[in-house]
Amino acid sequence: MAAPHVLLVAESCVDRLVASRVLETCNIRVTAMEGPKQALKFLEMEHDVQLILTDYCMLDMTGYDLLVEVKKSPKINHIPVVVTCTEDVPERIKKEVGKLCLDGGAKDYIIKPIKVANVPHLLSYI
C-alpha cells in the first residue's frame, strides 16, 4: 500500500518543518505549502492528496478560508481537512476556531505542535 499523501499548509517554516518531520516518521508522504493560495494551485494539478492539514492563522487567507474554497470545489471537496492552531486561549480556540471550522466542514482541529500521538487520529480521516 502506498504511503498516505498529506498536504500541509502553514506560513511558518518552523511549523512546516516540525509537522513534516512528525508525519514523515510515520511513513506519510508530505507536500508542504507556505499558504492557502499556493495550496489551491497545487490541488488543481495534484490528484492524490488524501488529507489537508492547514494552520488556522495565516496572513493572506486563514485556514478557514482555505476550507471554504476546498468545500466549494466539486473536484477536491472530498478531501478531508483538519485545522491546526496554537494553544494560547483554549476556550477561544474551541469556540471560535473549532466551531467555525467544524461547521464549515472540517473533520477536526488540533492544537500545535503536531505529535506522533495525533497521527493515528489524523489517518482515521483518510
N, C-alpha and C. Protein backbone atom coordinates (compact mmCIF):
# COMPACT_ATOMS: atom_id res chain seq x y z
N MET A 1 0.84 -1.19 0.00
CA MET A 1 0.00 0.00 0.00
C MET A 1 0.88 1.25 0.00
N ALA A 2 0.52 2.21 -0.82
CA ALA A 2 1.30 3.45 -0.90
C ALA A 2 1.12 4.28 0.36
N ALA A 3 2.13 5.06 0.66
CA ALA A 3 2.05 5.93 1.83
C ALA A 3 0.97 6.98 1.61
N PRO A 4 0.19 7.30 2.65
CA PRO A 4 -0.80 8.36 2.51
C PRO A 4 -0.12 9.69 2.16
N HIS A 5 -0.81 10.53 1.40
CA HIS A 5 -0.26 11.82 0.96
C HIS A 5 -1.03 12.94 1.66
N VAL A 6 -0.31 13.72 2.46
CA VAL A 6 -0.91 14.84 3.20
C VAL A 6 -0.37 16.15 2.64
N LEU A 7 -1.29 17.08 2.40
CA LEU A 7 -0.91 18.44 2.02
C LEU A 7 -0.89 19.27 3.30
N LEU A 8 0.27 19.80 3.63
CA LEU A 8 0.47 20.57 4.85
C LEU A 8 0.57 22.05 4.47
N VAL A 9 -0.27 22.89 5.08
CA VAL A 9 -0.29 24.31 4.74
C VAL A 9 -0.03 25.14 6.01
N ALA A 10 1.10 25.85 6.03
CA ALA A 10 1.45 26.69 7.17
C ALA A 10 2.44 27.75 6.72
N GLU A 11 2.23 28.98 7.16
CA GLU A 11 3.16 30.06 6.78
C GLU A 11 4.51 29.92 7.46
N SER A 12 4.51 29.48 8.69
CA SER A 12 5.75 29.38 9.46
C SER A 12 6.59 28.19 8.99
N CYS A 13 7.84 28.47 8.61
CA CYS A 13 8.70 27.38 8.15
C CYS A 13 8.98 26.42 9.31
N VAL A 14 9.01 26.91 10.54
CA VAL A 14 9.22 26.03 11.70
C VAL A 14 8.03 25.08 11.84
N ASP A 15 6.81 25.60 11.73
CA ASP A 15 5.62 24.75 11.82
C ASP A 15 5.62 23.69 10.71
N ARG A 16 5.98 24.11 9.50
CA ARG A 16 6.02 23.15 8.38
C ARG A 16 7.06 22.07 8.64
N LEU A 17 8.23 22.47 9.13
CA LEU A 17 9.30 21.52 9.39
C LEU A 17 8.92 20.53 10.48
N VAL A 18 8.39 21.03 11.59
CA VAL A 18 8.02 20.16 12.72
C VAL A 18 6.94 19.17 12.28
N ALA A 19 5.87 19.68 11.67
CA ALA A 19 4.78 18.79 11.26
C ALA A 19 5.24 17.79 10.20
N SER A 20 6.05 18.24 9.25
CA SER A 20 6.55 17.33 8.21
C SER A 20 7.37 16.20 8.82
N ARG A 21 8.25 16.55 9.73
CA ARG A 21 9.10 15.51 10.36
C ARG A 21 8.25 14.48 11.10
N VAL A 22 7.26 14.96 11.87
CA VAL A 22 6.39 14.04 12.62
C VAL A 22 5.65 13.12 11.66
N LEU A 23 5.06 13.68 10.62
CA LEU A 23 4.29 12.87 9.67
C LEU A 23 5.19 11.91 8.90
N GLU A 24 6.35 12.39 8.47
CA GLU A 24 7.26 11.53 7.71
C GLU A 24 7.80 10.37 8.54
N THR A 25 7.99 10.58 9.84
CA THR A 25 8.45 9.46 10.68
C THR A 25 7.37 8.39 10.80
N CYS A 26 6.13 8.74 10.47
CA CYS A 26 5.03 7.79 10.50
C CYS A 26 4.69 7.28 9.10
N ASN A 27 5.66 7.37 8.18
CA ASN A 27 5.51 6.87 6.82
C ASN A 27 4.37 7.55 6.05
N ILE A 28 4.30 8.87 6.21
CA ILE A 28 3.31 9.66 5.48
C ILE A 28 4.07 10.56 4.52
N ARG A 29 3.61 10.60 3.28
CA ARG A 29 4.21 11.49 2.28
C ARG A 29 3.62 12.88 2.48
N VAL A 30 4.50 13.88 2.60
CA VAL A 30 4.07 15.24 2.89
C VAL A 30 4.47 16.19 1.77
N THR A 31 3.51 17.00 1.35
CA THR A 31 3.81 18.14 0.49
C THR A 31 3.49 19.37 1.32
N ALA A 32 4.50 20.21 1.54
CA ALA A 32 4.31 21.39 2.38
C ALA A 32 4.18 22.64 1.52
N MET A 33 3.20 23.46 1.86
CA MET A 33 2.94 24.72 1.16
C MET A 33 2.95 25.85 2.17
N GLU A 34 3.40 27.02 1.68
CA GLU A 34 3.52 28.17 2.56
C GLU A 34 2.19 28.88 2.80
N GLY A 35 1.26 28.75 1.89
CA GLY A 35 0.00 29.46 2.06
C GLY A 35 -1.14 28.83 1.30
N PRO A 36 -2.38 29.24 1.63
CA PRO A 36 -3.58 28.66 1.02
C PRO A 36 -3.66 28.86 -0.49
N LYS A 37 -3.24 30.00 -0.99
CA LYS A 37 -3.34 30.22 -2.44
C LYS A 37 -2.43 29.25 -3.19
N GLN A 38 -1.22 29.07 -2.69
CA GLN A 38 -0.27 28.11 -3.26
C GLN A 38 -0.86 26.69 -3.17
N ALA A 39 -1.49 26.38 -2.04
CA ALA A 39 -2.08 25.05 -1.84
C ALA A 39 -3.20 24.80 -2.84
N LEU A 40 -4.05 25.81 -3.07
CA LEU A 40 -5.15 25.64 -4.02
C LEU A 40 -4.64 25.41 -5.44
N LYS A 41 -3.58 26.11 -5.81
CA LYS A 41 -2.98 25.89 -7.14
C LYS A 41 -2.44 24.46 -7.24
N PHE A 42 -1.79 24.01 -6.18
CA PHE A 42 -1.25 22.65 -6.16
C PHE A 42 -2.39 21.63 -6.30
N LEU A 43 -3.48 21.85 -5.57
CA LEU A 43 -4.61 20.91 -5.60
C LEU A 43 -5.28 20.85 -6.97
N GLU A 44 -5.19 21.94 -7.74
CA GLU A 44 -5.73 21.93 -9.10
C GLU A 44 -4.98 20.94 -9.99
N MET A 45 -3.69 20.76 -9.70
CA MET A 45 -2.85 19.90 -10.55
C MET A 45 -2.63 18.51 -9.96
N GLU A 46 -2.68 18.38 -8.67
CA GLU A 46 -2.34 17.13 -7.99
C GLU A 46 -3.61 16.41 -7.56
N HIS A 47 -3.68 15.13 -7.81
CA HIS A 47 -4.92 14.43 -7.54
C HIS A 47 -4.82 13.30 -6.51
N ASP A 48 -3.66 13.17 -5.87
CA ASP A 48 -3.56 12.04 -4.92
C ASP A 48 -3.46 12.49 -3.46
N VAL A 49 -3.79 13.75 -3.17
CA VAL A 49 -3.79 14.22 -1.79
C VAL A 49 -4.96 13.58 -1.05
N GLN A 50 -4.68 13.01 0.12
CA GLN A 50 -5.72 12.31 0.86
C GLN A 50 -6.16 13.05 2.13
N LEU A 51 -5.40 14.07 2.51
CA LEU A 51 -5.75 14.86 3.70
C LEU A 51 -5.08 16.22 3.59
N ILE A 52 -5.81 17.27 3.96
CA ILE A 52 -5.24 18.61 4.03
C ILE A 52 -5.12 18.98 5.50
N LEU A 53 -3.93 19.33 5.91
CA LEU A 53 -3.66 19.75 7.28
C LEU A 53 -3.24 21.22 7.20
N THR A 54 -4.09 22.12 7.66
CA THR A 54 -3.82 23.54 7.47
C THR A 54 -3.80 24.31 8.78
N ASP A 55 -2.89 25.25 8.88
CA ASP A 55 -2.85 26.15 10.01
C ASP A 55 -4.05 27.07 9.91
N TYR A 56 -4.58 27.50 11.03
CA TYR A 56 -5.71 28.43 11.02
C TYR A 56 -5.25 29.86 10.75
N CYS A 57 -4.21 30.29 11.47
CA CYS A 57 -3.76 31.69 11.39
C CYS A 57 -2.70 31.88 10.32
N MET A 58 -3.12 32.46 9.20
CA MET A 58 -2.19 32.82 8.13
C MET A 58 -2.61 34.19 7.62
N LEU A 59 -1.70 34.89 6.96
CA LEU A 59 -1.95 36.28 6.60
C LEU A 59 -2.92 36.50 5.44
N ASP A 60 -2.64 35.91 4.27
CA ASP A 60 -3.48 36.25 3.12
C ASP A 60 -4.85 35.58 3.14
N MET A 61 -4.91 34.39 3.68
CA MET A 61 -6.16 33.64 3.86
C MET A 61 -6.00 32.83 5.13
N THR A 62 -7.07 32.63 5.87
CA THR A 62 -6.99 31.77 7.04
C THR A 62 -7.19 30.32 6.62
N GLY A 63 -6.94 29.41 7.54
CA GLY A 63 -7.23 28.01 7.28
C GLY A 63 -8.71 27.79 7.01
N TYR A 64 -9.54 28.61 7.66
CA TYR A 64 -10.99 28.53 7.41
C TYR A 64 -11.30 28.92 5.97
N ASP A 65 -10.65 29.99 5.48
CA ASP A 65 -10.86 30.42 4.09
C ASP A 65 -10.47 29.31 3.12
N LEU A 66 -9.36 28.64 3.41
CA LEU A 66 -8.93 27.51 2.58
C LEU A 66 -9.97 26.40 2.61
N LEU A 67 -10.47 26.10 3.80
CA LEU A 67 -11.50 25.08 3.96
C LEU A 67 -12.72 25.41 3.10
N VAL A 68 -13.17 26.66 3.14
CA VAL A 68 -14.33 27.08 2.35
C VAL A 68 -14.07 26.87 0.86
N GLU A 69 -12.88 27.25 0.39
CA GLU A 69 -12.54 27.07 -1.03
C GLU A 69 -12.52 25.59 -1.42
N VAL A 70 -11.97 24.76 -0.55
CA VAL A 70 -11.92 23.31 -0.83
C VAL A 70 -13.34 22.76 -0.90
N LYS A 71 -14.18 23.13 0.05
CA LYS A 71 -15.55 22.59 0.09
C LYS A 71 -16.41 23.08 -1.07
N LYS A 72 -16.07 24.24 -1.64
CA LYS A 72 -16.82 24.78 -2.80
C LYS A 72 -16.47 24.07 -4.09
N SER A 73 -15.31 23.43 -4.15
CA SER A 73 -14.83 22.84 -5.39
C SER A 73 -15.26 21.38 -5.54
N PRO A 74 -16.08 21.07 -6.55
CA PRO A 74 -16.50 19.68 -6.76
C PRO A 74 -15.32 18.73 -6.99
N LYS A 75 -14.22 19.28 -7.49
CA LYS A 75 -13.05 18.47 -7.81
C LYS A 75 -12.29 18.00 -6.56
N ILE A 76 -12.31 18.81 -5.50
CA ILE A 76 -11.50 18.48 -4.31
C ILE A 76 -12.28 18.46 -3.00
N ASN A 77 -13.60 18.68 -3.06
CA ASN A 77 -14.36 18.78 -1.81
C ASN A 77 -14.45 17.47 -1.02
N HIS A 78 -14.01 16.38 -1.61
CA HIS A 78 -14.00 15.09 -0.92
C HIS A 78 -12.78 14.95 0.01
N ILE A 79 -11.78 15.82 -0.14
CA ILE A 79 -10.55 15.69 0.66
C ILE A 79 -10.82 16.18 2.08
N PRO A 80 -10.58 15.35 3.09
CA PRO A 80 -10.79 15.79 4.46
C PRO A 80 -9.80 16.89 4.85
N VAL A 81 -10.27 17.85 5.64
CA VAL A 81 -9.45 18.97 6.09
C VAL A 81 -9.41 18.96 7.61
N VAL A 82 -8.19 19.07 8.16
CA VAL A 82 -8.00 19.21 9.61
C VAL A 82 -7.25 20.52 9.82
N VAL A 83 -7.75 21.33 10.74
CA VAL A 83 -7.18 22.64 11.01
C VAL A 83 -6.31 22.57 12.27
N THR A 84 -5.15 23.22 12.22
CA THR A 84 -4.29 23.28 13.40
C THR A 84 -4.23 24.71 13.91
N CYS A 85 -4.03 24.86 15.20
CA CYS A 85 -3.91 26.20 15.79
C CYS A 85 -3.08 26.10 17.07
N THR A 86 -2.62 27.25 17.53
CA THR A 86 -1.81 27.27 18.75
C THR A 86 -2.71 27.37 19.96
N GLU A 87 -2.18 26.94 21.08
CA GLU A 87 -2.98 26.92 22.30
C GLU A 87 -2.62 28.12 23.18
N ASP A 88 -3.15 29.29 22.84
CA ASP A 88 -2.92 30.41 23.73
C ASP A 88 -4.14 30.61 24.63
N VAL A 89 -5.32 30.46 24.08
CA VAL A 89 -6.56 30.53 24.87
C VAL A 89 -7.44 29.36 24.43
N PRO A 90 -7.29 28.21 25.09
CA PRO A 90 -8.00 27.00 24.65
C PRO A 90 -9.51 27.20 24.49
N GLU A 91 -10.14 27.95 25.37
CA GLU A 91 -11.59 28.14 25.25
C GLU A 91 -11.95 28.93 24.00
N ARG A 92 -11.15 29.95 23.69
CA ARG A 92 -11.41 30.74 22.49
C ARG A 92 -11.22 29.87 21.25
N ILE A 93 -10.18 29.06 21.28
CA ILE A 93 -9.92 28.17 20.15
C ILE A 93 -11.10 27.23 19.94
N LYS A 94 -11.58 26.65 21.04
CA LYS A 94 -12.69 25.71 20.94
C LYS A 94 -13.94 26.41 20.39
N LYS A 95 -14.22 27.60 20.90
CA LYS A 95 -15.42 28.33 20.50
C LYS A 95 -15.31 28.88 19.09
N GLU A 96 -14.22 29.56 18.80
CA GLU A 96 -14.09 30.24 17.51
C GLU A 96 -13.57 29.31 16.43
N VAL A 97 -12.34 28.88 16.57
CA VAL A 97 -11.71 28.06 15.53
C VAL A 97 -12.43 26.73 15.38
N GLY A 98 -12.60 26.03 16.49
CA GLY A 98 -13.22 24.72 16.44
C GLY A 98 -14.61 24.74 15.85
N LYS A 99 -15.48 25.56 16.42
CA LYS A 99 -16.87 25.61 15.95
C LYS A 99 -16.95 26.10 14.51
N LEU A 100 -16.26 27.19 14.21
CA LEU A 100 -16.28 27.75 12.87
C LEU A 100 -15.83 26.72 11.83
N CYS A 101 -14.71 26.08 12.09
CA CYS A 101 -14.15 25.13 11.12
C CYS A 101 -14.98 23.86 11.02
N LEU A 102 -15.43 23.35 12.16
CA LEU A 102 -16.25 22.13 12.12
C LEU A 102 -17.57 22.41 11.41
N ASP A 103 -18.18 23.55 11.69
CA ASP A 103 -19.41 23.92 10.99
C ASP A 103 -19.17 24.11 9.49
N GLY A 104 -17.94 24.52 9.15
CA GLY A 104 -17.58 24.74 7.74
C GLY A 104 -17.22 23.47 7.00
N GLY A 105 -17.15 22.35 7.70
CA GLY A 105 -16.88 21.08 7.03
C GLY A 105 -15.55 20.44 7.36
N ALA A 106 -14.77 21.06 8.27
CA ALA A 106 -13.51 20.43 8.68
C ALA A 106 -13.82 19.15 9.45
N LYS A 107 -12.93 18.17 9.34
CA LYS A 107 -13.09 16.93 10.09
C LYS A 107 -12.74 17.12 11.56
N ASP A 108 -11.77 18.02 11.82
CA ASP A 108 -11.31 18.19 13.19
C ASP A 108 -10.40 19.40 13.27
N TYR A 109 -10.01 19.76 14.47
CA TYR A 109 -8.96 20.75 14.68
C TYR A 109 -8.06 20.22 15.78
N ILE A 110 -6.78 20.48 15.68
CA ILE A 110 -5.84 20.04 16.70
C ILE A 110 -4.91 21.18 17.09
N ILE A 111 -4.44 21.10 18.32
CA ILE A 111 -3.53 22.11 18.85
C ILE A 111 -2.11 21.76 18.42
N LYS A 112 -1.38 22.79 17.93
CA LYS A 112 0.03 22.60 17.55
C LYS A 112 0.88 22.58 18.81
N PRO A 113 2.03 21.96 18.77
CA PRO A 113 2.61 21.24 17.63
C PRO A 113 1.98 19.85 17.48
N ILE A 114 2.00 19.37 16.26
CA ILE A 114 1.51 18.02 15.98
C ILE A 114 2.47 17.03 16.61
N LYS A 115 1.90 16.03 17.24
CA LYS A 115 2.71 14.99 17.90
C LYS A 115 2.45 13.65 17.22
N VAL A 116 3.36 12.74 17.40
CA VAL A 116 3.19 11.39 16.85
C VAL A 116 1.87 10.79 17.33
N ALA A 117 1.49 11.11 18.56
CA ALA A 117 0.23 10.59 19.11
C ALA A 117 -1.00 11.06 18.33
N ASN A 118 -0.90 12.19 17.61
CA ASN A 118 -2.01 12.70 16.79
C ASN A 118 -2.17 11.94 15.48
N VAL A 119 -1.12 11.27 15.02
CA VAL A 119 -1.11 10.71 13.67
C VAL A 119 -2.18 9.63 13.44
N PRO A 120 -2.36 8.66 14.34
CA PRO A 120 -3.41 7.67 14.07
C PRO A 120 -4.79 8.33 13.93
N HIS A 121 -5.03 9.34 14.74
CA HIS A 121 -6.30 10.07 14.66
C HIS A 121 -6.44 10.76 13.29
N LEU A 122 -5.37 11.40 12.84
CA LEU A 122 -5.39 12.05 11.52
C LEU A 122 -5.63 11.03 10.41
N LEU A 123 -4.95 9.90 10.51
CA LEU A 123 -5.09 8.87 9.47
C LEU A 123 -6.49 8.27 9.42
N SER A 124 -7.23 8.37 10.52
CA SER A 124 -8.59 7.82 10.55
C SER A 124 -9.52 8.58 9.60
N TYR A 125 -9.13 9.78 9.17
CA TYR A 125 -9.95 10.57 8.25
C TYR A 125 -9.70 10.23 6.79
N ILE A 126 -8.65 9.47 6.54
CA ILE A 126 -8.29 9.13 5.14
C ILE A 126 -9.10 7.95 4.67
